Amino acid sequence: MIGLSYHAGGMKDLPLQDVVSILSDVGYDAIEMMCGPEAHIPSGEITDSLLRDVKLMTDDHGLQVSVINPFTGKGLYHLALEEMQTAIDHYAILQDVAVALDAGGVNFLTGYGGDKGDAYAWKILVDVLKPICQRAEGLGITMNIHNHEANTIDTSSKVLLLIEHVGSDALKVLNDITNFYHLGEDIAEATEKLGPLTAHCHVKGVAGMYPYSTFLIPGEERDELDFKTFAEALGNVGYDKYISVETFPQMRMEKAEIAYQMMATTLKVLGLRE
C-alpha cells in the first residue's frame, strides 16, 4: 500500500501543532517534516527536548514522519563549495533528526553549479555525498536526491548517474514526478526506470511546461499532471512508501484536503491504498 504524506513547507506560516492537527483530520498518514533556517524545526536550534515534543505531537495525531526536508537551506553543492566539512556536519544534524523522529531518510537538493562548470559541480557533489551517505548507511536511513529544474541534477538519467558515481546503498531517489514531467520526461517511463531506487515521492499540480509552468494544488481544476499514470507506474514497480503532497503557503487553505481527496481516491481505485 502507498501512504500519503504532506510537505509541511506548504503551511510554514502556521504553527506545527496546527499543521499536524489539520493533516490528521484530513486523513494523511504522515508528514514530511521541515528542518532548516525558516522551518518548523529550526536547524540552528535543535535540542533533544524539542525533538521529543515533535515526536509526541505526531504520535498523538497518528502521523508518521515520512522524511526530513532541509527547508529553505542552500543546495548541497553550494554548502560544500563554501566548506566541505560544514556541508557534511549540516547533513549529520538532519540525519540525527530523522533518526529521532523515526523518519526513513533525508531529502536534499543538489543546487546549481554551472558557475564553475557542470563537471566541477558533479565532482563536488560526489565527493561530499560519499561521507554523508556512509554515515547514513550506519544509521539505517537514506539520502534522497530531489530532482529539480534549474539544479545540477534535474533528469532521471542524471539521478542514476550520480548514484552510480557515489556508490552507496544509502543514496536513493526522491521522485518529484512533477519536476520530471514539466521538463518533458514521460511519467511512466521515468517512474519505472527509477522504481527500485525510489525512497520517497513528491507531487505538485502543474499547468504548462518549464519555463512557463505554474504550480497548482494537485487535483485542482487546471492541474495537468496525470496522477493516475504516475500511481499505476508506482504500482508496477511495487512502491509501498509515501507520496508527499507539495503545495505552497500562498495557495488557499483547503489545499491539503483537495490534494488528499484526489490522490487517496485514485490510489484506492487502483488497489494501491485501503
Protein backbone atom coordinates (compact mmCIF):
# COMPACT_ATOMS: atom_id res chain seq x y z
CA MET A 1 0.00 0.00 0.00
CA ILE A 2 1.11 3.58 -0.67
CA GLY A 3 0.93 6.14 2.13
CA LEU A 4 0.09 9.82 1.77
CA SER A 5 2.30 12.45 3.34
CA TYR A 6 2.27 16.25 3.26
CA HIS A 7 5.24 18.57 2.72
CA ALA A 8 4.84 20.85 5.73
CA GLY A 9 6.50 23.76 3.93
CA GLY A 10 3.10 24.34 2.33
CA MET A 11 1.92 25.56 5.74
CA LYS A 12 5.12 27.15 7.03
CA ASP A 13 3.09 30.17 8.16
CA LEU A 14 1.16 28.04 10.68
CA PRO A 15 2.42 26.59 13.99
CA LEU A 16 3.43 22.96 13.71
CA GLN A 17 0.69 21.94 16.15
CA ASP A 18 -1.92 23.38 13.77
CA VAL A 19 -0.35 21.70 10.73
CA VAL A 20 -0.29 18.30 12.41
CA SER A 21 -3.88 18.68 13.53
CA ILE A 22 -5.08 19.65 10.02
CA LEU A 23 -3.28 16.73 8.37
CA SER A 24 -4.62 14.24 10.90
CA ASP A 25 -8.18 15.48 10.45
CA VAL A 26 -7.94 15.25 6.65
CA GLY A 27 -6.65 11.67 6.79
CA TYR A 28 -2.95 11.85 5.94
CA ASP A 29 -0.69 9.04 7.10
CA ALA A 30 2.47 11.10 7.50
CA ILE A 31 4.13 14.50 7.46
CA GLU A 32 7.29 15.47 5.60
CA MET A 33 8.98 17.47 8.33
CA MET A 34 10.81 20.70 7.60
CA CYS A 35 14.18 21.34 9.24
CA GLY A 36 16.04 24.46 8.17
CA PRO A 37 16.61 28.18 8.77
CA GLU A 38 12.90 29.07 8.41
CA ALA A 39 11.32 25.72 9.19
CA HIS A 40 9.07 24.24 11.84
CA ILE A 41 12.22 22.65 13.28
CA PRO A 42 14.85 25.42 13.13
CA SER A 43 18.12 23.74 12.14
CA GLY A 44 20.15 26.03 14.40
CA GLU A 45 18.01 25.47 17.49
CA ILE A 46 17.61 21.70 17.71
CA THR A 47 17.51 20.13 21.14
CA ASP A 48 16.62 16.66 22.41
CA SER A 49 13.65 18.23 24.20
CA LEU A 50 12.35 19.83 21.00
CA LEU A 51 12.59 16.56 19.07
CA ARG A 52 10.81 14.67 21.87
CA ASP A 53 7.99 17.22 21.77
CA VAL A 54 7.66 16.93 17.98
CA LYS A 55 7.65 13.13 18.13
CA LEU A 56 4.97 13.17 20.84
CA MET A 57 2.91 15.63 18.80
CA THR A 58 2.96 13.49 15.65
CA ASP A 59 2.37 10.28 17.58
CA ASP A 60 -0.62 11.79 19.36
CA HIS A 61 -2.16 12.65 15.99
CA GLY A 62 -1.45 9.26 14.41
CA LEU A 63 1.09 10.63 11.93
CA GLN A 64 4.40 9.14 10.90
CA VAL A 65 7.29 11.39 9.89
CA SER A 66 8.00 10.25 6.34
CA VAL A 67 11.26 12.11 5.68
CA ILE A 68 13.19 15.20 6.76
CA ASN A 69 13.40 18.11 4.33
CA PRO A 70 16.15 20.79 4.64
CA PHE A 71 13.63 23.55 4.00
CA THR A 72 14.90 26.94 2.72
CA GLY A 73 18.53 25.92 3.14
CA LYS A 74 21.22 26.11 0.46
CA GLY A 75 21.66 23.34 -2.07
CA LEU A 76 24.25 20.70 -1.24
CA TYR A 77 26.69 21.92 -3.89
CA HIS A 78 26.70 25.46 -2.51
CA LEU A 79 27.22 24.27 1.07
CA ALA A 80 30.10 22.03 0.00
CA LEU A 81 31.66 24.72 -2.17
CA GLU A 82 31.88 27.04 0.85
CA GLU A 83 33.27 24.35 3.16
CA MET A 84 33.07 20.59 2.63
CA GLN A 85 33.03 19.72 6.34
CA THR A 86 30.30 22.28 7.03
CA ALA A 87 28.08 20.53 4.48
CA ILE A 88 28.84 17.11 5.99
CA ASP A 89 28.13 18.39 9.51
CA HIS A 90 24.89 20.06 8.42
CA TYR A 91 23.53 16.84 6.97
CA ALA A 92 24.67 14.92 10.05
CA ILE A 93 22.29 17.13 12.04
CA LEU A 94 19.44 16.37 9.64
CA GLN A 95 20.25 12.67 9.79
CA ASP A 96 20.09 12.74 13.58
CA VAL A 97 16.71 14.49 13.39
CA ALA A 98 15.50 11.75 11.04
CA VAL A 99 16.58 9.04 13.48
CA ALA A 100 14.97 10.84 16.45
CA LEU A 101 11.66 11.17 14.59
CA ASP A 102 11.72 7.67 13.07
CA ALA A 103 11.82 9.12 9.55
CA GLY A 104 13.09 6.98 6.70
CA GLY A 105 15.63 9.45 5.41
CA VAL A 106 16.68 12.96 4.46
CA ASN A 107 15.92 14.73 1.20
CA PHE A 108 18.34 17.11 -0.49
CA LEU A 109 18.52 19.43 -3.47
CA THR A 110 21.81 19.49 -5.30
CA GLY A 111 21.66 23.18 -6.18
CA TYR A 112 23.09 24.54 -9.42
CA GLY A 113 26.82 24.51 -10.01
CA GLY A 114 27.10 25.93 -13.51
CA ASP A 115 29.03 28.96 -12.33
CA LYS A 116 32.23 26.89 -12.21
CA GLY A 117 31.28 24.37 -14.85
CA ASP A 118 28.97 21.40 -14.73
CA ALA A 119 31.71 18.76 -14.38
CA TYR A 120 33.21 20.66 -11.44
CA ALA A 121 29.83 20.71 -9.68
CA TRP A 122 29.37 16.98 -10.23
CA LYS A 123 32.76 16.20 -8.68
CA ILE A 124 31.96 18.36 -5.64
CA LEU A 125 28.64 16.55 -5.20
CA VAL A 126 30.21 13.10 -5.48
CA ASP A 127 32.96 14.00 -3.02
CA VAL A 128 30.61 15.40 -0.38
CA LEU A 129 27.97 12.68 -0.75
CA LYS A 130 30.37 9.81 -0.08
CA PRO A 131 30.91 10.61 3.64
CA ILE A 132 27.31 11.79 4.08
CA CYS A 133 25.98 8.52 2.67
CA GLN A 134 28.46 6.42 4.60
CA ARG A 135 27.08 7.90 7.82
CA ALA A 136 23.51 7.32 6.60
CA GLU A 137 24.33 3.66 5.98
CA GLY A 138 25.42 3.30 9.59
CA LEU A 139 22.20 4.90 10.82
CA GLY A 140 19.97 2.78 8.59
CA ILE A 141 18.42 5.74 6.77
CA THR A 142 18.57 7.04 3.20
CA MET A 143 19.71 10.23 1.49
CA ASN A 144 17.17 11.07 -1.20
CA ILE A 145 18.12 13.03 -4.33
CA HIS A 146 15.42 15.62 -5.06
CA ASN A 147 15.40 16.20 -8.80
CA HIS A 148 14.63 19.82 -9.61
CA GLU A 149 14.61 22.16 -12.58
CA ALA A 150 17.45 24.71 -12.54
CA ASN A 151 19.56 22.34 -10.42
CA THR A 152 22.56 20.26 -11.49
CA ILE A 153 20.50 17.08 -11.05
CA ASP A 154 17.27 17.60 -12.95
CA THR A 155 16.62 14.49 -15.10
CA SER A 156 16.17 10.82 -14.29
CA SER A 157 19.34 9.85 -16.16
CA LYS A 158 21.40 12.28 -14.10
CA VAL A 159 19.89 10.92 -10.89
CA LEU A 160 21.01 7.41 -11.82
CA LEU A 161 24.49 8.56 -12.85
CA LEU A 162 25.02 10.38 -9.54
CA ILE A 163 24.02 7.24 -7.62
CA GLU A 164 26.43 5.19 -9.70
CA HIS A 165 29.33 7.57 -9.03
CA VAL A 166 28.72 7.76 -5.27
CA GLY A 167 28.34 4.01 -4.94
CA SER A 168 26.35 3.90 -1.69
CA ASP A 169 23.28 1.81 -0.95
CA ALA A 170 22.01 4.72 1.17
CA LEU A 171 21.74 7.08 -1.81
CA LYS A 172 18.21 6.86 -3.17
CA VAL A 173 15.70 8.78 -5.26
CA LEU A 174 13.06 11.29 -4.26
CA ASN A 175 10.92 11.05 -7.38
CA ASP A 176 9.42 14.52 -7.78
CA ILE A 177 7.36 13.47 -10.76
CA THR A 178 6.07 16.97 -11.46
CA ASN A 179 9.62 18.24 -11.84
CA PHE A 180 10.41 15.45 -14.29
CA TYR A 181 7.15 15.96 -16.17
CA HIS A 182 7.37 19.70 -16.78
CA LEU A 183 10.90 19.21 -18.15
CA GLY A 184 9.44 16.87 -20.76
CA GLU A 185 10.03 13.39 -19.29
CA ASP A 186 7.47 10.63 -19.70
CA ILE A 187 5.75 9.97 -16.36
CA ALA A 188 5.55 6.19 -16.58
CA GLU A 189 8.98 5.74 -18.12
CA ALA A 190 10.80 7.88 -15.55
CA THR A 191 8.93 6.28 -12.64
CA GLU A 192 9.59 2.72 -13.73
CA LYS A 193 13.24 3.47 -14.53
CA LEU A 194 13.80 4.83 -11.01
CA GLY A 195 11.48 2.37 -9.29
CA PRO A 196 13.90 0.11 -7.39
CA LEU A 197 15.82 3.12 -6.06
CA THR A 198 12.85 5.30 -5.09
CA ALA A 199 12.57 6.01 -1.36
CA HIS A 200 10.08 8.89 -1.47
CA CYS A 201 7.88 10.82 -3.91
CA HIS A 202 6.60 14.36 -4.38
CA VAL A 203 3.55 15.51 -6.33
CA LYS A 204 2.62 19.08 -7.23
CA GLY A 205 -0.14 20.18 -9.55
CA VAL A 206 1.10 21.97 -12.67
CA ALA A 207 -0.14 23.86 -15.71
CA GLY A 208 2.20 24.36 -18.68
CA MET A 209 5.76 23.27 -19.31
CA TYR A 210 9.03 24.70 -17.98
CA PRO A 211 9.95 27.58 -18.04
CA TYR A 212 6.31 28.68 -18.39
CA SER A 213 4.85 26.22 -15.91
CA THR A 214 2.74 27.26 -12.93
CA PHE A 215 2.47 25.04 -9.86
CA LEU A 216 -1.02 24.28 -8.58
CA ILE A 217 -2.74 22.26 -5.88
CA PRO A 218 -2.73 18.60 -7.01
CA GLY A 219 -6.20 17.77 -8.24
CA GLU A 220 -7.50 21.32 -8.69
CA GLU A 221 -9.29 22.35 -11.86
CA ARG A 222 -6.32 23.34 -14.05
CA ASP A 223 -3.92 20.62 -12.89
CA GLU A 224 -2.44 18.87 -15.94
CA LEU A 225 -0.34 16.25 -14.15
CA ASP A 226 -1.58 12.73 -14.90
CA PHE A 227 -1.52 11.37 -11.37
CA LYS A 228 -3.28 8.15 -12.37
CA THR A 229 -0.44 7.23 -14.73
CA PHE A 230 2.09 8.04 -12.00
CA ALA A 231 0.25 5.90 -9.46
CA GLU A 232 -0.05 3.00 -11.91
CA ALA A 233 3.69 3.16 -12.59
CA LEU A 234 4.44 3.13 -8.86
CA GLY A 235 2.20 0.10 -8.51
CA ASN A 236 4.05 -1.64 -11.36
CA VAL A 237 7.39 -1.31 -9.52
CA GLY A 238 5.93 -2.32 -6.15
CA TYR A 239 6.42 1.04 -4.49
CA ASP A 240 4.99 0.95 -0.94
CA LYS A 241 6.31 4.07 0.78
CA TYR A 242 4.97 7.64 0.86
CA ILE A 243 3.94 10.24 -1.68
CA SER A 244 4.17 13.76 -0.29
CA VAL A 245 1.79 16.45 -1.49
CA GLU A 246 3.83 19.58 -2.16
CA THR A 247 1.91 22.85 -2.09
CA PHE A 248 2.82 26.44 -1.25
CA PRO A 249 1.69 28.80 1.53
CA GLN A 250 0.06 31.28 -0.86
CA MET A 251 -2.39 28.62 -2.07
CA ARG A 252 -5.85 28.51 -0.49
CA MET A 253 -6.25 26.87 2.89
CA GLU A 254 -8.08 23.76 1.71
CA LYS A 255 -5.06 22.74 -0.39
CA ALA A 256 -4.24 19.73 1.80
CA GLU A 257 -7.78 18.39 1.56
CA ILE A 258 -8.12 18.92 -2.23
CA ALA A 259 -4.89 17.03 -2.89
CA TYR A 260 -5.69 14.26 -0.43
CA GLN A 261 -9.11 13.56 -1.88
CA MET A 262 -7.79 13.27 -5.44
CA MET A 263 -4.79 11.12 -4.55
CA ALA A 264 -6.48 8.86 -2.00
CA THR A 265 -9.40 8.20 -4.36
CA THR A 266 -7.12 7.38 -7.29
CA LEU A 267 -4.93 5.07 -5.24
CA LYS A 268 -7.95 3.23 -3.82
CA VAL A 269 -9.44 2.68 -7.28
CA LEU A 270 -6.11 1.19 -8.40
CA GLY A 271 -5.93 -1.06 -5.34
CA LEU A 272 -2.86 0.75 -4.02
CA ARG A 273 -4.48 2.11 -0.85
CA GLU A 274 -7.01 0.68 1.56
